[in-house]
N, C-alpha and C. Protein backbone atom coordinates (compact mmCIF):
# COMPACT_ATOMS: atom_id res chain seq x y z
N MET A 1 -38.27 169.39 -38.81
CA MET A 1 -39.53 167.73 -38.61
C MET A 1 -39.82 167.86 -37.30
N SER A 2 -40.96 167.58 -37.87
CA SER A 2 -42.26 167.67 -37.04
C SER A 2 -42.78 166.29 -36.57
N ASN A 3 -42.92 166.01 -35.33
CA ASN A 3 -43.93 164.46 -35.45
C ASN A 3 -44.62 164.81 -34.80
N ARG A 4 -45.35 163.44 -34.79
CA ARG A 4 -46.79 163.78 -34.08
C ARG A 4 -46.91 162.21 -33.34
N THR A 5 -47.27 162.32 -31.82
CA THR A 5 -46.75 161.05 -31.49
C THR A 5 -48.10 160.26 -31.16
N ARG A 6 -48.77 159.13 -31.34
CA ARG A 6 -50.61 158.65 -30.78
C ARG A 6 -49.74 157.95 -29.77
N GLU A 7 -50.43 157.78 -28.95
CA GLU A 7 -50.94 156.70 -27.80
C GLU A 7 -51.38 156.02 -28.53
N LYS A 8 -51.27 154.59 -28.00
CA LYS A 8 -52.32 153.33 -28.52
C LYS A 8 -52.77 152.51 -27.08
N ASP A 9 -53.97 152.17 -26.13
CA ASP A 9 -54.49 152.33 -24.91
C ASP A 9 -53.52 150.49 -24.74
N ASP A 10 -54.24 150.09 -25.54
CA ASP A 10 -52.92 148.76 -25.72
C ASP A 10 -51.78 148.25 -26.45
N GLY A 11 -51.16 149.35 -27.03
CA GLY A 11 -49.94 149.30 -27.79
C GLY A 11 -48.76 150.29 -27.69
N PRO A 12 -47.72 149.94 -28.64
CA PRO A 12 -46.93 150.77 -27.61
C PRO A 12 -47.11 152.18 -28.92
N VAL A 13 -46.35 153.18 -28.65
CA VAL A 13 -46.41 154.68 -29.13
C VAL A 13 -46.10 154.78 -30.25
N VAL A 14 -47.12 155.28 -30.77
CA VAL A 14 -46.56 155.72 -32.79
C VAL A 14 -45.91 156.72 -33.01
N ILE A 15 -44.83 157.25 -33.57
CA ILE A 15 -44.95 158.40 -34.08
C ILE A 15 -44.50 158.69 -34.97
N LEU A 16 -44.96 159.71 -35.82
CA LEU A 16 -45.44 159.76 -36.81
C LEU A 16 -44.67 161.04 -37.82
N ASP A 17 -43.93 161.36 -38.72
CA ASP A 17 -43.14 162.25 -38.72
C ASP A 17 -44.17 162.65 -40.23
N CYS A 18 -44.79 163.92 -39.65
CA CYS A 18 -45.70 164.40 -39.82
C CYS A 18 -45.34 165.43 -41.26
N GLU A 19 -44.48 165.64 -42.07
CA GLU A 19 -43.61 165.96 -43.02
C GLU A 19 -44.41 164.67 -44.03
N TRP A 20 -42.73 163.45 -43.54
CA TRP A 20 -43.57 162.79 -44.38
C TRP A 20 -44.64 161.83 -44.99
N MET A 21 -45.52 162.20 -44.00
CA MET A 21 -46.87 161.75 -43.85
C MET A 21 -47.47 162.78 -44.96
N ALA A 22 -47.44 163.76 -45.09
CA ALA A 22 -48.46 164.95 -45.83
C ALA A 22 -46.90 164.17 -47.28
N ASN A 23 -46.22 164.11 -47.65
CA ASN A 23 -45.53 163.73 -48.78
C ASN A 23 -45.96 162.51 -49.36
N LEU A 24 -46.51 161.61 -48.29
CA LEU A 24 -47.22 160.39 -48.87
C LEU A 24 -48.42 160.26 -49.45
N LYS A 25 -49.49 161.24 -48.37
CA LYS A 25 -50.64 161.78 -48.85
C LYS A 25 -50.46 163.04 -50.58
N GLU A 26 -49.97 162.98 -50.04
CA GLU A 26 -49.06 163.83 -51.96
C GLU A 26 -49.09 162.86 -53.20
N LYS A 27 -48.34 161.99 -52.94
CA LYS A 27 -48.08 160.85 -53.69
C LYS A 27 -50.00 160.32 -54.43
N VAL A 28 -49.70 160.10 -52.93
CA VAL A 28 -51.18 159.39 -53.22
C VAL A 28 -52.67 160.02 -54.52
N GLU A 29 -52.28 160.83 -53.47
CA GLU A 29 -53.26 161.60 -54.74
C GLU A 29 -52.94 162.37 -56.02
N LYS A 30 -51.92 162.30 -55.92
CA LYS A 30 -51.35 162.14 -58.07
C LYS A 30 -51.04 161.20 -58.18
N THR A 31 -50.79 160.34 -58.04
CA THR A 31 -51.36 158.87 -58.37
C THR A 31 -52.60 158.57 -59.49
N PRO A 32 -52.67 158.32 -60.34
CA PRO A 32 -53.68 158.34 -61.54
C PRO A 32 -54.25 156.80 -61.93
N ARG A 33 -55.55 157.19 -61.29
CA ARG A 33 -56.33 155.37 -60.82
C ARG A 33 -56.11 154.98 -62.25
N LYS A 34 -55.29 153.69 -62.44
CA LYS A 34 -55.28 153.23 -63.51
C LYS A 34 -55.77 151.61 -63.32
N ASP A 35 -56.52 151.13 -65.10
CA ASP A 35 -57.17 150.22 -64.57
C ASP A 35 -55.50 148.61 -64.45
N VAL A 36 -55.83 148.04 -63.91
CA VAL A 36 -54.55 147.31 -63.97
C VAL A 36 -54.52 145.73 -65.06
N ARG A 37 -55.18 145.86 -65.69
CA ARG A 37 -54.87 145.33 -66.84
C ARG A 37 -54.48 146.00 -68.51
N THR A 38 -54.04 147.79 -67.97
CA THR A 38 -52.98 147.97 -69.25
C THR A 38 -51.85 147.93 -67.97
N GLU A 39 -51.76 147.34 -67.03
CA GLU A 39 -50.33 146.80 -66.28
C GLU A 39 -49.81 145.92 -66.16
N ARG A 40 -51.01 145.09 -66.40
CA ARG A 40 -50.11 143.77 -65.86
C ARG A 40 -50.36 142.32 -67.34
N ALA A 41 -50.13 141.56 -67.81
CA ALA A 41 -50.84 140.95 -68.50
C ALA A 41 -51.99 140.10 -68.41
N THR A 42 -52.63 139.97 -69.14
CA THR A 42 -54.28 139.58 -68.72
C THR A 42 -54.07 138.16 -70.08
N ILE A 43 -53.09 137.57 -70.60
CA ILE A 43 -53.38 136.73 -71.25
C ILE A 43 -52.40 135.77 -71.93
N PHE A 44 -52.75 134.30 -71.08
CA PHE A 44 -51.26 133.64 -70.38
C PHE A 44 -51.95 132.63 -71.42
N GLN A 45 -50.65 131.43 -71.26
CA GLN A 45 -50.62 130.20 -72.47
C GLN A 45 -50.63 129.56 -71.07
N VAL A 46 -51.36 128.10 -71.30
CA VAL A 46 -52.29 127.48 -70.22
C VAL A 46 -50.83 127.12 -69.53
N PRO A 47 -50.83 126.85 -68.54
CA PRO A 47 -49.07 126.76 -67.78
C PRO A 47 -49.22 124.94 -68.23
N ASN A 48 -48.13 124.55 -67.80
CA ASN A 48 -47.38 123.15 -68.10
C ASN A 48 -48.12 121.79 -66.47
N ASN A 49 -48.17 122.94 -65.67
CA ASN A 49 -48.79 121.97 -64.67
C ASN A 49 -50.70 121.79 -64.51
N ILE A 50 -50.93 122.62 -65.53
CA ILE A 50 -52.28 122.37 -65.76
C ILE A 50 -52.53 121.28 -66.64
N ARG A 51 -51.78 121.37 -67.42
CA ARG A 51 -51.95 120.94 -69.07
C ARG A 51 -51.76 119.29 -68.95
N ALA A 52 -50.71 119.43 -67.79
CA ALA A 52 -50.61 117.73 -67.24
C ALA A 52 -51.38 116.98 -66.51
N GLY A 53 -52.07 117.73 -65.61
CA GLY A 53 -52.84 117.51 -64.58
C GLY A 53 -54.35 116.98 -66.12
N ASP A 54 -54.48 117.76 -66.87
CA ASP A 54 -55.88 117.31 -67.85
C ASP A 54 -55.61 115.89 -68.80
N THR A 55 -56.48 114.29 -67.65
CA THR A 55 -56.34 113.57 -67.80
C THR A 55 -57.89 113.16 -68.88
N ASN A 56 -58.47 113.96 -68.14
CA ASN A 56 -59.67 113.56 -68.39
C ASN A 56 -60.94 112.86 -69.79
N HIS A 57 -59.62 113.61 -70.71
CA HIS A 57 -60.02 113.17 -72.40
C HIS A 57 -59.16 112.24 -72.30
N GLU A 58 -59.57 110.95 -72.95
CA GLU A 58 -58.89 109.72 -73.13
C GLU A 58 -58.06 110.05 -74.93
N ALA A 59 -58.58 110.61 -75.53
CA ALA A 59 -58.24 111.61 -76.88
C ALA A 59 -57.21 112.75 -76.81
N CYS A 60 -57.17 112.86 -75.68
CA CYS A 60 -56.26 113.81 -75.88
C CYS A 60 -55.15 113.79 -75.05
N SER A 61 -54.04 113.72 -75.64
CA SER A 61 -52.40 113.90 -75.11
C SER A 61 -52.44 115.06 -74.20
N LEU A 62 -51.32 114.93 -73.26
CA LEU A 62 -50.89 115.55 -71.43
C LEU A 62 -51.30 117.17 -72.74
N GLY A 63 -52.21 117.55 -72.43
CA GLY A 63 -53.23 118.77 -72.59
C GLY A 63 -53.53 118.51 -73.75
N GLU A 64 -53.80 118.44 -74.78
CA GLU A 64 -53.66 118.33 -75.92
C GLU A 64 -55.50 119.33 -76.38
N ALA A 65 -56.00 119.49 -75.30
CA ALA A 65 -57.53 119.59 -75.18
C ALA A 65 -57.30 121.71 -75.34
N TYR A 66 -56.37 121.98 -74.80
CA TYR A 66 -55.89 123.44 -74.55
C TYR A 66 -55.31 124.10 -75.94
N ASN A 67 -55.31 122.87 -76.83
CA ASN A 67 -54.29 123.35 -78.97
C ASN A 67 -55.58 124.01 -79.14
N PRO A 68 -55.58 124.87 -79.51
CA PRO A 68 -56.43 124.71 -80.73
C PRO A 68 -56.18 123.69 -82.18
N LYS A 69 -57.61 123.85 -82.99
CA LYS A 69 -57.49 122.28 -83.56
C LYS A 69 -57.70 122.56 -84.81
N ILE A 70 -58.16 124.21 -85.16
CA ILE A 70 -59.13 124.45 -86.36
C ILE A 70 -57.75 126.06 -86.81
N VAL A 71 -58.56 126.29 -86.01
CA VAL A 71 -57.54 128.32 -86.57
C VAL A 71 -57.27 128.84 -84.54
N SER A 72 -56.48 129.12 -84.60
CA SER A 72 -55.68 129.85 -83.99
C SER A 72 -56.10 131.73 -83.83
N LEU A 73 -56.08 132.27 -82.55
CA LEU A 73 -56.23 133.85 -81.73
C LEU A 73 -54.83 133.73 -81.91
N GLY A 74 -54.29 134.72 -82.17
CA GLY A 74 -53.19 134.98 -80.93
C GLY A 74 -51.41 134.50 -81.18
N PRO A 75 -50.69 134.81 -80.95
CA PRO A 75 -49.57 134.79 -80.91
C PRO A 75 -48.80 132.96 -80.32
N TYR A 76 -50.01 133.13 -79.71
CA TYR A 76 -49.36 131.71 -78.95
C TYR A 76 -49.12 130.09 -79.94
N HIS A 77 -50.10 129.66 -81.16
CA HIS A 77 -50.37 128.61 -81.21
C HIS A 77 -50.08 129.35 -83.05
N ARG A 78 -49.00 130.64 -83.42
CA ARG A 78 -49.57 130.78 -84.83
C ARG A 78 -48.58 129.82 -85.78
N LEU A 79 -47.91 129.39 -85.21
CA LEU A 79 -46.39 128.45 -85.64
C LEU A 79 -46.90 127.01 -86.39
N ASP A 80 -47.91 126.98 -85.35
CA ASP A 80 -48.49 125.82 -85.96
C ASP A 80 -48.72 125.00 -87.80
N GLU A 81 -48.13 124.58 -88.44
CA GLU A 81 -48.05 124.24 -89.33
C GLU A 81 -49.72 124.09 -89.49
N GLN A 82 -49.90 122.98 -89.19
CA GLN A 82 -51.48 122.74 -89.52
C GLN A 82 -52.70 123.24 -89.77
N LEU A 83 -52.03 125.02 -88.55
CA LEU A 83 -53.32 125.64 -88.26
C LEU A 83 -53.31 126.84 -89.19
N GLN A 84 -51.43 126.70 -90.38
CA GLN A 84 -51.18 127.60 -91.01
C GLN A 84 -52.24 127.36 -92.06
N VAL A 85 -52.28 126.63 -92.60
CA VAL A 85 -53.34 125.68 -93.68
C VAL A 85 -54.50 126.85 -93.68
N TRP A 86 -55.04 126.98 -92.31
CA TRP A 86 -56.28 127.43 -92.56
C TRP A 86 -56.55 129.16 -92.16
N ASN A 87 -55.15 129.82 -92.20
CA ASN A 87 -55.13 130.88 -92.09
C ASN A 87 -54.96 131.06 -93.68
N THR A 88 -54.93 131.12 -94.33
CA THR A 88 -55.06 130.93 -95.83
C THR A 88 -56.87 130.54 -96.15
N ARG A 89 -57.21 129.80 -95.87
CA ARG A 89 -57.91 128.61 -96.18
C ARG A 89 -59.89 130.20 -95.74
N LEU A 90 -59.07 130.27 -94.37
CA LEU A 90 -60.01 131.33 -93.17
C LEU A 90 -59.83 133.03 -93.15
N LYS A 91 -58.56 132.71 -92.62
CA LYS A 91 -58.61 134.07 -92.28
C LYS A 91 -58.21 135.20 -93.55
N TRP A 92 -57.36 134.61 -93.99
CA TRP A 92 -57.14 136.21 -95.42
C TRP A 92 -58.43 136.06 -96.26
N PRO A 93 -59.68 135.06 -96.66
CA PRO A 93 -60.90 135.23 -97.43
C PRO A 93 -61.38 136.03 -96.10
N CYS A 94 -61.54 136.13 -95.36
CA CYS A 94 -62.62 136.77 -94.50
C CYS A 94 -62.15 138.31 -94.05
N LEU A 95 -60.49 138.23 -94.17
CA LEU A 95 -60.16 139.59 -93.98
C LEU A 95 -60.57 140.45 -95.12
N LYS A 96 -60.70 140.00 -96.53
CA LYS A 96 -61.06 140.48 -98.14
C LYS A 96 -62.87 140.89 -97.91
N ARG A 97 -63.62 139.89 -97.63
CA ARG A 97 -64.69 140.54 -97.44
C ARG A 97 -65.06 140.60 -96.00
N LEU A 98 -65.04 141.15 -95.46
CA LEU A 98 -65.18 142.13 -94.72
C LEU A 98 -64.53 143.46 -95.19
N LEU A 99 -63.45 143.77 -95.86
CA LEU A 99 -62.98 144.85 -96.48
C LEU A 99 -63.83 145.38 -97.72
N GLU A 100 -64.34 144.64 -97.98
CA GLU A 100 -64.81 144.19 -99.99
C GLU A 100 -66.40 145.00 -99.07
N ARG A 101 -66.92 144.88 -97.87
CA ARG A 101 -68.03 146.27 -97.36
C ARG A 101 -67.65 147.63 -97.44
N SER A 102 -66.01 147.76 -96.87
CA SER A 102 -65.87 149.05 -97.16
C SER A 102 -65.89 149.83 -98.74
N PRO A 103 -66.59 150.48 -98.65
CA PRO A 103 -66.76 151.55 -100.35
C PRO A 103 -64.99 151.73 -100.70
N ASP A 104 -63.80 151.88 -99.53
CA ASP A 104 -62.56 152.33 -99.86
C ASP A 104 -62.18 150.95 -99.07
N ASN A 105 -61.67 150.04 -100.00
CA ASN A 105 -60.97 148.81 -98.99
C ASN A 105 -59.52 149.20 -99.08
N ASN A 106 -59.36 149.88 -99.77
CA ASN A 106 -57.76 150.00 -100.16
C ASN A 106 -57.41 151.30 -98.30
N GLN A 107 -58.12 152.05 -98.26
CA GLN A 107 -58.03 153.47 -97.07
C GLN A 107 -58.19 152.36 -96.06
N ALA A 108 -59.80 151.29 -96.26
CA ALA A 108 -60.01 150.83 -94.92
C ALA A 108 -59.10 150.10 -94.36
N ILE A 109 -57.88 149.44 -95.33
CA ILE A 109 -56.72 148.43 -94.01
C ILE A 109 -55.28 149.20 -94.13
N GLU A 110 -55.17 150.19 -94.58
CA GLU A 110 -54.30 151.61 -94.27
C GLU A 110 -55.19 151.27 -93.10
N LYS A 111 -56.38 152.51 -92.51
CA LYS A 111 -57.48 152.81 -91.31
C LYS A 111 -56.69 151.93 -90.12
N CYS A 112 -57.00 149.89 -90.67
CA CYS A 112 -57.21 149.11 -90.15
C CYS A 112 -55.72 149.40 -88.90
N ILE A 113 -54.54 149.26 -89.92
CA ILE A 113 -53.18 149.06 -90.07
C ILE A 113 -52.56 150.09 -88.95
N ASP A 114 -53.29 151.67 -89.19
CA ASP A 114 -52.79 152.61 -88.84
C ASP A 114 -53.85 152.24 -87.12
N ARG A 115 -54.65 151.83 -87.14
CA ARG A 115 -55.06 151.60 -85.54
C ARG A 115 -54.27 150.48 -84.81
N ILE A 116 -54.07 149.91 -85.60
CA ILE A 116 -53.22 148.39 -84.43
C ILE A 116 -51.98 148.48 -84.18
N LYS A 117 -51.25 149.54 -84.92
CA LYS A 117 -50.05 150.16 -84.91
C LYS A 117 -50.16 151.08 -83.24
N GLU A 118 -50.83 152.15 -83.66
CA GLU A 118 -51.08 153.04 -82.16
C GLU A 118 -51.26 152.40 -81.37
N ARG A 119 -51.74 150.85 -81.31
CA ARG A 119 -51.90 150.59 -80.41
C ARG A 119 -51.31 148.88 -79.34
N GLU A 120 -50.34 148.63 -80.76
CA GLU A 120 -49.20 147.49 -80.73
C GLU A 120 -48.64 147.07 -79.55
N ARG A 121 -47.91 148.39 -79.00
CA ARG A 121 -47.55 148.30 -77.57
C ARG A 121 -48.04 148.07 -76.46
N GLU A 122 -49.67 148.51 -76.37
CA GLU A 122 -50.41 148.26 -74.99
C GLU A 122 -50.92 146.65 -75.34
N VAL A 123 -51.01 146.24 -77.00
CA VAL A 123 -51.42 145.00 -77.18
C VAL A 123 -50.09 143.98 -76.39
N ARG A 124 -49.20 144.67 -76.78
CA ARG A 124 -48.00 143.22 -76.66
C ARG A 124 -47.76 142.64 -74.95
N SER A 125 -48.16 143.78 -74.68
CA SER A 125 -48.05 143.97 -73.01
C SER A 125 -49.06 142.88 -72.25
N ALA A 126 -50.05 142.80 -73.14
CA ALA A 126 -51.54 142.34 -72.72
C ALA A 126 -50.92 140.76 -72.18
N TYR A 127 -50.37 140.08 -73.01
CA TYR A 127 -49.76 138.63 -73.11
C TYR A 127 -48.17 138.70 -72.11
N ALA A 128 -48.41 137.94 -71.32
CA ALA A 128 -47.44 137.23 -70.37
C ALA A 128 -46.03 136.65 -71.12
N GLU A 129 -45.99 136.40 -71.73
CA GLU A 129 -44.64 136.13 -72.86
C GLU A 129 -44.39 137.55 -73.98
N GLU A 130 -42.91 137.85 -74.59
CA GLU A 130 -43.09 139.06 -74.72
C GLU A 130 -43.43 138.80 -76.30
N PHE A 131 -43.23 137.85 -76.91
CA PHE A 131 -42.52 137.29 -78.06
C PHE A 131 -41.78 138.93 -79.28
N VAL A 132 -40.56 138.63 -78.62
CA VAL A 132 -39.61 139.27 -78.64
C VAL A 132 -39.14 138.73 -80.41
N LYS A 133 -39.28 137.92 -80.50
CA LYS A 133 -39.30 136.87 -82.48
C LYS A 133 -39.73 137.54 -83.59
N MET A 134 -41.34 138.22 -82.71
CA MET A 134 -42.10 138.48 -83.58
C MET A 134 -41.83 140.05 -84.10
N THR A 135 -41.91 140.97 -85.27
CA THR A 135 -41.31 142.43 -85.63
C THR A 135 -43.08 142.81 -85.70
N SER A 136 -42.93 143.80 -85.84
CA SER A 136 -43.68 144.67 -85.59
C SER A 136 -44.58 145.14 -86.74
N ASN A 137 -44.37 144.02 -87.85
CA ASN A 137 -45.06 143.88 -88.85
C ASN A 137 -46.01 142.62 -88.80
N GLU A 138 -45.27 141.27 -88.37
CA GLU A 138 -45.87 139.85 -88.14
C GLU A 138 -46.88 140.17 -87.52
N PHE A 139 -46.38 141.46 -86.29
CA PHE A 139 -47.49 141.17 -85.07
C PHE A 139 -48.59 141.57 -85.67
N VAL A 140 -48.25 143.20 -86.24
CA VAL A 140 -49.49 143.68 -87.13
C VAL A 140 -50.74 142.90 -87.32
N GLU A 141 -50.15 142.18 -88.85
CA GLU A 141 -50.32 140.87 -89.70
C GLU A 141 -50.96 140.27 -88.60
N MET A 142 -50.51 139.60 -88.16
CA MET A 142 -51.32 138.88 -87.08
C MET A 142 -52.89 139.34 -86.19
N LEU A 143 -52.98 140.55 -85.64
CA LEU A 143 -53.80 141.49 -85.23
C LEU A 143 -54.84 141.75 -86.12
N LEU A 144 -54.88 141.67 -87.80
CA LEU A 144 -55.39 142.37 -88.41
C LEU A 144 -56.68 141.50 -88.81
N LEU A 145 -55.53 140.55 -89.65
CA LEU A 145 -55.93 138.84 -89.60
C LEU A 145 -56.84 138.25 -88.94
N ASP A 146 -56.59 138.31 -87.17
CA ASP A 146 -57.45 137.65 -86.35
C ASP A 146 -58.24 138.42 -86.06
N SER A 147 -58.15 139.58 -86.00
CA SER A 147 -59.90 140.61 -86.01
C SER A 147 -60.59 140.32 -86.41
N CYS A 148 -60.19 140.93 -87.89
CA CYS A 148 -61.13 140.88 -89.47
C CYS A 148 -62.02 139.65 -89.09
N PHE A 149 -61.25 138.48 -88.87
CA PHE A 149 -61.35 136.90 -88.85
C PHE A 149 -62.52 137.04 -87.85
N VAL A 150 -62.68 136.90 -86.51
CA VAL A 150 -63.56 137.22 -85.90
C VAL A 150 -64.42 138.33 -86.26
N LEU A 151 -64.62 139.05 -86.58
CA LEU A 151 -65.18 140.22 -87.00
C LEU A 151 -66.48 139.64 -88.08
N GLU A 152 -65.40 138.96 -88.94
CA GLU A 152 -66.40 138.66 -90.69
C GLU A 152 -67.40 137.65 -89.94
N LEU A 153 -66.98 136.51 -89.41
CA LEU A 153 -67.36 135.50 -88.91
C LEU A 153 -68.61 136.21 -87.97
N LEU A 154 -68.26 136.91 -87.37
CA LEU A 154 -69.64 137.56 -86.26
C LEU A 154 -70.31 138.30 -87.11
N LEU A 155 -70.17 138.69 -88.34
CA LEU A 155 -71.41 139.61 -88.68
C LEU A 155 -71.33 138.31 -89.98
N GLU A 156 -71.52 137.35 -90.68
CA GLU A 156 -71.69 136.53 -91.43
C GLU A 156 -72.92 135.99 -90.32
N LEU A 157 -72.24 135.34 -89.22
CA LEU A 157 -73.10 134.86 -87.78
C LEU A 157 -74.89 135.76 -88.12
N GLU A 158 -74.46 136.75 -87.95
CA GLU A 158 -75.29 137.25 -88.02
C GLU A 158 -76.51 137.87 -89.16
N GLU A 159 -75.73 137.95 -89.84
CA GLU A 159 -76.43 137.68 -91.35
C GLU A 159 -77.09 136.49 -91.70
N LYS A 160 -76.88 135.88 -91.13
CA LYS A 160 -77.44 134.00 -91.77
C LYS A 160 -78.92 134.45 -90.39
N LYS A 161 -78.40 134.81 -89.38
CA LYS A 161 -79.29 134.63 -88.43
C LYS A 161 -80.80 135.56 -89.19
N ARG A 162 -80.34 136.37 -89.24
CA ARG A 162 -81.54 138.27 -89.94
C ARG A 162 -81.82 136.83 -91.29
N ARG A 163 -81.45 136.10 -91.80
CA ARG A 163 -81.98 135.81 -93.01
C ARG A 163 -82.94 134.35 -93.09
N LYS A 164 -82.34 133.69 -92.08
CA LYS A 164 -83.42 132.92 -91.51
C LYS A 164 -84.19 133.62 -91.09
N GLN A 165 -84.44 134.46 -90.33
CA GLN A 165 -86.04 135.54 -89.53
C GLN A 165 -86.69 135.50 -90.59
N GLU A 166 -86.23 136.39 -91.53
CA GLU A 166 -87.00 136.80 -93.13
C GLU A 166 -87.44 135.93 -93.04
N LYS A 167 -87.02 134.25 -93.50
CA LYS A 167 -87.17 133.43 -94.51
C LYS A 167 -88.62 133.20 -93.96
N VAL A 168 -88.05 132.95 -92.11
CA VAL A 168 -89.34 132.29 -91.37
C VAL A 168 -90.47 133.26 -91.87
N ALA A 169 -90.54 134.83 -91.98
CA ALA A 169 -91.53 135.66 -91.21
C ALA A 169 -92.42 135.75 -92.65
N GLN A 170 -91.31 135.67 -93.95
CA GLN A 170 -92.13 134.92 -95.33
C GLN A 170 -92.92 134.04 -95.15
N GLU A 171 -92.29 132.87 -95.19
CA GLU A 171 -92.95 131.27 -94.41
C GLU A 171 -94.70 131.26 -94.05
N LYS A 172 -94.29 132.79 -92.70
CA LYS A 172 -95.46 132.53 -91.82
C LYS A 172 -96.52 133.52 -92.17
N LYS A 173 -96.13 134.70 -93.18
CA LYS A 173 -96.46 135.67 -94.30
C LYS A 173 -97.53 134.56 -95.14
N MET A 174 -97.04 133.95 -95.73
CA MET A 174 -97.70 133.42 -97.44
C MET A 174 -98.33 132.45 -96.57
N SER A 175 -98.36 131.17 -95.02
CA SER A 175 -99.11 130.83 -94.75
C SER A 175 -100.84 131.22 -94.46
N THR A 176 -100.42 132.48 -94.02
CA THR A 176 -101.76 133.72 -93.52
C THR A 176 -102.12 133.34 -94.48
N ILE A 177 -101.52 134.18 -95.78
CA ILE A 177 -102.51 134.75 -97.20
C ILE A 177 -102.98 132.88 -97.36
N ASN A 178 -102.67 132.02 -97.43
CA ASN A 178 -103.00 130.31 -97.67
C ASN A 178 -104.07 130.51 -97.26
N LYS A 179 -104.40 130.40 -96.05
CA LYS A 179 -105.20 130.35 -94.68
C LYS A 179 -106.77 131.23 -95.37
N LEU A 180 -106.19 132.74 -95.82
CA LEU A 180 -107.09 133.19 -96.22
C LEU A 180 -108.14 133.23 -97.15
N LEU A 181 -107.19 132.53 -98.59
CA LEU A 181 -107.42 131.97 -99.61
C LEU A 181 -108.19 131.00 -99.84
N GLN A 182 -107.99 129.71 -98.61
CA GLN A 182 -108.83 128.70 -98.57
C GLN A 182 -109.51 128.44 -98.86
N PRO A 183 -111.03 129.75 -98.40
CA PRO A 183 -111.95 129.29 -98.82
C PRO A 183 -112.25 129.58 -100.26
N PHE A 184 -111.70 130.41 -101.29
CA PHE A 184 -111.96 130.77 -102.22
C PHE A 184 -111.98 129.53 -103.28
N LYS A 185 -110.21 129.30 -102.98
CA LYS A 185 -110.06 128.01 -103.72
C LYS A 185 -110.42 127.07 -103.39
N ALA A 186 -111.74 126.81 -102.34
CA ALA A 186 -111.62 125.56 -101.62
C ALA A 186 -113.66 125.40 -102.92
N SER A 187 -114.56 126.98 -102.92
CA SER A 187 -115.06 127.38 -103.53
C SER A 187 -115.17 127.38 -105.67
N ALA A 188 -113.72 127.63 -105.57
CA ALA A 188 -112.91 127.39 -107.05
C ALA A 188 -113.26 126.32 -107.64
N ASN A 189 -112.87 125.05 -106.63
CA ASN A 189 -112.46 123.72 -107.38
C ASN A 189 -113.83 122.79 -107.21
N LYS A 190 -115.11 123.03 -106.91
CA LYS A 190 -116.40 122.89 -106.58
C LYS A 190 -116.80 122.85 -107.64
């Protein structure tokens, strides 16, 4: 065992075990650099102490501002009976519409489920709670419904925006044509 002594001007003598130091450096060198989000939970439910402090809204009792009113995403509020109605009214139709965008929607749903199943463990680890009562199939179904709901909603909003832009462009074109034709219309009316 070889040691190295390091003297400090203002303090005690430091004795380093060179072999131990080399092993330590080797461990650091071999350690892969990982994103901390894959190692620790990143999705939390709002803690009760924060919910209790939310008294700014008269209409909201004890942290109600943190509870979804129409639709929930993820496992925290998925069993809320009032929100279950919206799963049927919103999420399932969005899933159907999104799958209909694919030429073969039977294959599309299988591909989606395969991808979600491949990442289930990673997604579960993102939550602070374990949700052990949710079976794998329940968790995957929830992720499928929620993710397709969000995707379809975004696609529909984009399509609506595009249609509005096309309508504005068409109206502008017609206005320009009308302005160009104005002198001819005026002379035809004389």
